[in-house]
Protein backbone atom coordinates (compact mmCIF):
# COMPACT_ATOMS: atom_id res chain seq x y z
CA UNK A 1 3.43 17.14 11.74
CA UNK A 2 3.59 14.10 13.98
CA UNK A 3 6.60 13.33 16.07
CA UNK A 4 7.15 10.33 13.79
CA UNK A 5 7.80 12.14 11.21
CA UNK A 6 9.92 14.29 12.80
CA UNK A 7 11.96 11.60 14.05
CA UNK A 8 12.08 9.88 10.28
CA UNK A 9 12.83 12.95 9.16
CA UNK A 10 16.02 13.33 11.63
CA UNK A 11 17.12 10.05 11.72
CA UNK A 12 17.16 10.10 7.90
CA UNK A 13 19.08 13.60 8.13
CA UNK A 14 21.69 12.10 10.61
CA UNK A 15 22.31 9.15 8.26
CA UNK A 16 22.40 11.47 5.14
CA UNK A 17 25.50 13.55 7.11
CA UNK A 18 26.77 10.59 8.35
CA UNK A 19 27.25 9.24 4.76
CA UNK A 20 28.64 12.49 3.84
CA UNK A 21 31.23 12.19 6.17
CA UNK A 22 31.91 8.43 5.94
CA UNK A 23 32.54 8.97 1.44
CA UNK A 24 31.17 11.90 0.04
CA UNK A 25 32.12 10.01 -3.41
CA UNK A 26 29.51 7.16 -2.16
CA UNK A 27 26.82 9.19 -1.25
CA UNK A 28 26.93 11.86 -4.19
CA UNK A 29 26.68 8.74 -6.53
CA UNK A 30 24.05 7.19 -4.58
CA UNK A 31 21.97 10.56 -5.03
CA UNK A 32 22.71 10.71 -8.26
CA UNK A 33 21.18 6.93 -8.78
CA UNK A 34 18.26 8.07 -6.72
CA UNK A 35 18.08 10.89 -8.90
CA UNK A 36 18.05 8.91 -12.02
CA UNK A 37 15.23 6.76 -9.90
CA UNK A 38 12.94 9.34 -9.59
CA UNK A 39 12.90 10.53 -13.57
CA UNK A 40 11.86 6.82 -14.30
CA UNK A 41 9.29 6.78 -11.68
CA UNK A 42 7.73 10.15 -12.21
CA UNK A 43 5.49 9.53 -14.85
CA UNK A 44 4.12 6.74 -12.94
CA UNK A 45 3.25 9.42 -9.85
CA UNK A 46 1.47 11.54 -12.48
CA UNK A 47 -0.16 8.97 -13.60
CA UNK A 48 -1.48 7.81 -10.29
CA UNK A 49 -2.53 11.41 -9.03
CA UNK A 50 -4.45 11.53 -12.30
CA UNK A 51 -6.22 7.78 -11.47
CA UNK A 52 -7.54 8.61 -7.95
CA UNK A 53 -8.56 12.21 -9.08
CA UNK A 54 -10.26 10.23 -12.13
CA UNK A 55 -12.01 7.84 -9.67
CA UNK A 56 -13.00 10.32 -7.06
CA UNK A 57 -14.93 12.31 -9.92
CA UNK A 58 -16.54 9.26 -11.01
CA UNK A 59 -17.46 7.71 -7.97
CA UNK A 60 -19.08 10.03 -5.47
CA UNK A 61 -18.04 10.32 -2.05
CA UNK A 62 -21.65 9.25 -0.88
CA UNK A 63 -21.58 6.08 -2.68
CA UNK A 64 -17.57 5.70 -1.12
CA UNK A 65 -18.96 6.32 1.89
CA UNK A 66 -22.07 4.11 1.88
CA UNK A 67 -20.27 1.16 0.38
CA UNK A 68 -17.04 1.00 2.36
CA UNK A 69 -18.30 2.80 5.16
CA UNK A 70 -19.36 1.69 8.61
CA UNK A 71 -22.00 0.97 8.43
CA UNK A 72 -21.54 -2.85 6.25
CA UNK A 73 -18.01 -3.21 7.96
CA UNK A 74 -17.85 -7.03 7.57
CA UNK A 75 -19.25 -7.18 3.73
CA UNK A 76 -16.95 -4.62 2.96
CA UNK A 77 -13.56 -5.97 4.34
CA UNK A 78 -14.31 -9.31 2.82
CA UNK A 79 -14.98 -7.96 -0.80
CA UNK A 80 -11.84 -5.12 0.03
CA UNK A 81 -9.70 -8.25 1.35
CA UNK A 82 -11.12 -9.79 -2.00
CA UNK A 83 -9.94 -7.07 -4.35
CA UNK A 84 -6.65 -6.59 -2.89
CA UNK A 85 -6.07 -10.43 -3.49
CA UNK A 86 -6.63 -10.55 -7.22
CA UNK A 87 -5.50 -7.05 -7.95
CA UNK A 88 -1.71 -6.30 -8.86
CA UNK A 89 -0.83 -2.79 -8.36
CA UNK A 90 2.53 -1.42 -6.81
CA UNK A 91 2.28 -0.71 -3.26
CA UNK A 92 3.30 2.79 -3.82
CA UNK A 93 0.06 3.24 -6.00
CA UNK A 94 -2.17 2.06 -3.53
CA UNK A 95 -1.16 3.92 -0.75
CA UNK A 96 -2.08 7.29 -2.21
CA UNK A 97 -5.47 5.69 -3.90
CA UNK A 98 -6.35 3.87 -0.14
CA UNK A 99 -5.83 7.50 1.77
CA UNK A 100 -8.09 8.92 -0.91
CA UNK A 101 -10.86 6.48 -0.54
CA UNK A 102 -10.38 7.12 4.11
CA UNK A 103 -10.48 10.47 3.13
CA UNK A 104 -13.98 10.32 1.14
CA UNK A 105 -15.85 8.60 4.30
CA UNK A 106 -14.00 4.37 3.35
CA UNK A 107 -13.80 3.03 6.75
CA UNK A 108 -10.22 2.26 8.21
CA UNK A 109 -10.96 -1.62 8.13
CA UNK A 110 -11.50 -2.33 4.47
CA UNK A 111 -8.68 -0.34 3.90
CA UNK A 112 -6.22 -2.10 5.61
CA UNK A 113 -7.55 -5.07 4.10
CA UNK A 114 -7.11 -4.03 0.79
CA UNK A 115 -3.59 -2.63 1.48
CA UNK A 116 -2.64 -5.84 3.16
CA UNK A 117 -3.99 -8.34 1.06
CA UNK A 118 -2.65 -6.29 -1.60
CA UNK A 119 1.02 -6.48 -0.30
CA UNK A 120 0.39 -10.15 1.38
CA UNK A 121 -2.00 -12.39 -1.17
CA UNK A 122 -0.91 -12.90 -4.63
CA UNK A 123 -3.40 -14.43 -7.03
CA UNK A 124 -2.15 -12.94 -10.08
CA UNK A 125 0.93 -14.74 -9.66
CA UNK A 126 -0.10 -17.73 -8.07
CA UNK A 127 0.80 -19.56 -10.82
CA UNK A 128 4.69 -18.52 -11.43
CA UNK A 129 4.84 -18.67 -7.29
CA UNK A 130 3.42 -22.62 -7.41
CA UNK A 131 5.75 -23.33 -10.14
CA UNK A 132 9.05 -22.35 -7.57
CA UNK A 133 7.55 -23.38 -4.21
CA UNK A 134 5.37 -26.18 -5.42
CA UNK A 135 1.23 -26.12 -4.38
CA UNK A 136 1.13 -27.04 -1.26
CA UNK A 137 3.50 -23.77 -0.45
CA UNK A 138 1.76 -21.78 -2.36
CA UNK A 139 -2.07 -22.74 -1.19
CA UNK A 140 -0.76 -22.50 2.24
CA UNK A 141 0.99 -18.95 2.07
CA UNK A 142 -2.03 -17.61 0.07
CA UNK A 143 -4.40 -18.58 2.99
CA UNK A 144 -2.41 -17.93 5.66
CA UNK A 145 -1.69 -14.47 4.12
CA UNK A 146 -5.67 -13.67 3.40
CA UNK A 147 -6.45 -14.28 7.37
CA UNK A 148 -3.41 -12.61 8.52
CA UNK A 149 -4.28 -9.71 6.44
CA UNK A 150 -8.24 -9.42 7.90
CA UNK A 151 -6.45 -10.08 11.46
CA UNK A 152 -4.23 -7.29 10.69
CA UNK A 153 -7.07 -5.17 9.05
CA UNK A 154 -9.47 -5.90 12.23
CA UNK A 155 -6.37 -5.37 15.08
CA UNK A 156 -6.10 -1.89 12.82
CA UNK A 157 -10.10 -0.86 13.15
CA UNK A 158 -9.96 -1.17 17.11
CA UNK A 159 -6.80 0.79 17.05
CA UNK A 160 -7.66 3.18 14.97
């Protein structure tokens, strides 16, 4: 484990102990609520694992590497960003999927472009956003989000 993971575990443990000291009953009630939420998510998590396995079974790593690899980074980044913009899946599904794609040979830039547009751009939810906030706001927000998602992906490519 890296230092960030160990630090986060340490902070979480310290916060949990502090919560127990402050109010034991509230802490246990919160743990019961979290347990219930986890029970509701277990089916989805198993489905995610099966979906990732299925995708990686039918799409060989060579295809992933040639399509999303280093050879055509610009095109694969734009295609990934567009796919992320029109996809409506929970982020906790996307993270393991993208991790598996990167492990299979996808470049980090298209992977980050997919993830950031998935969470920042909402073409599927655009009609609702337009109704609630207005056409001008929804359009400008989605355009800026798309541009910034590409910039984040490029920055991650430079850093990584």
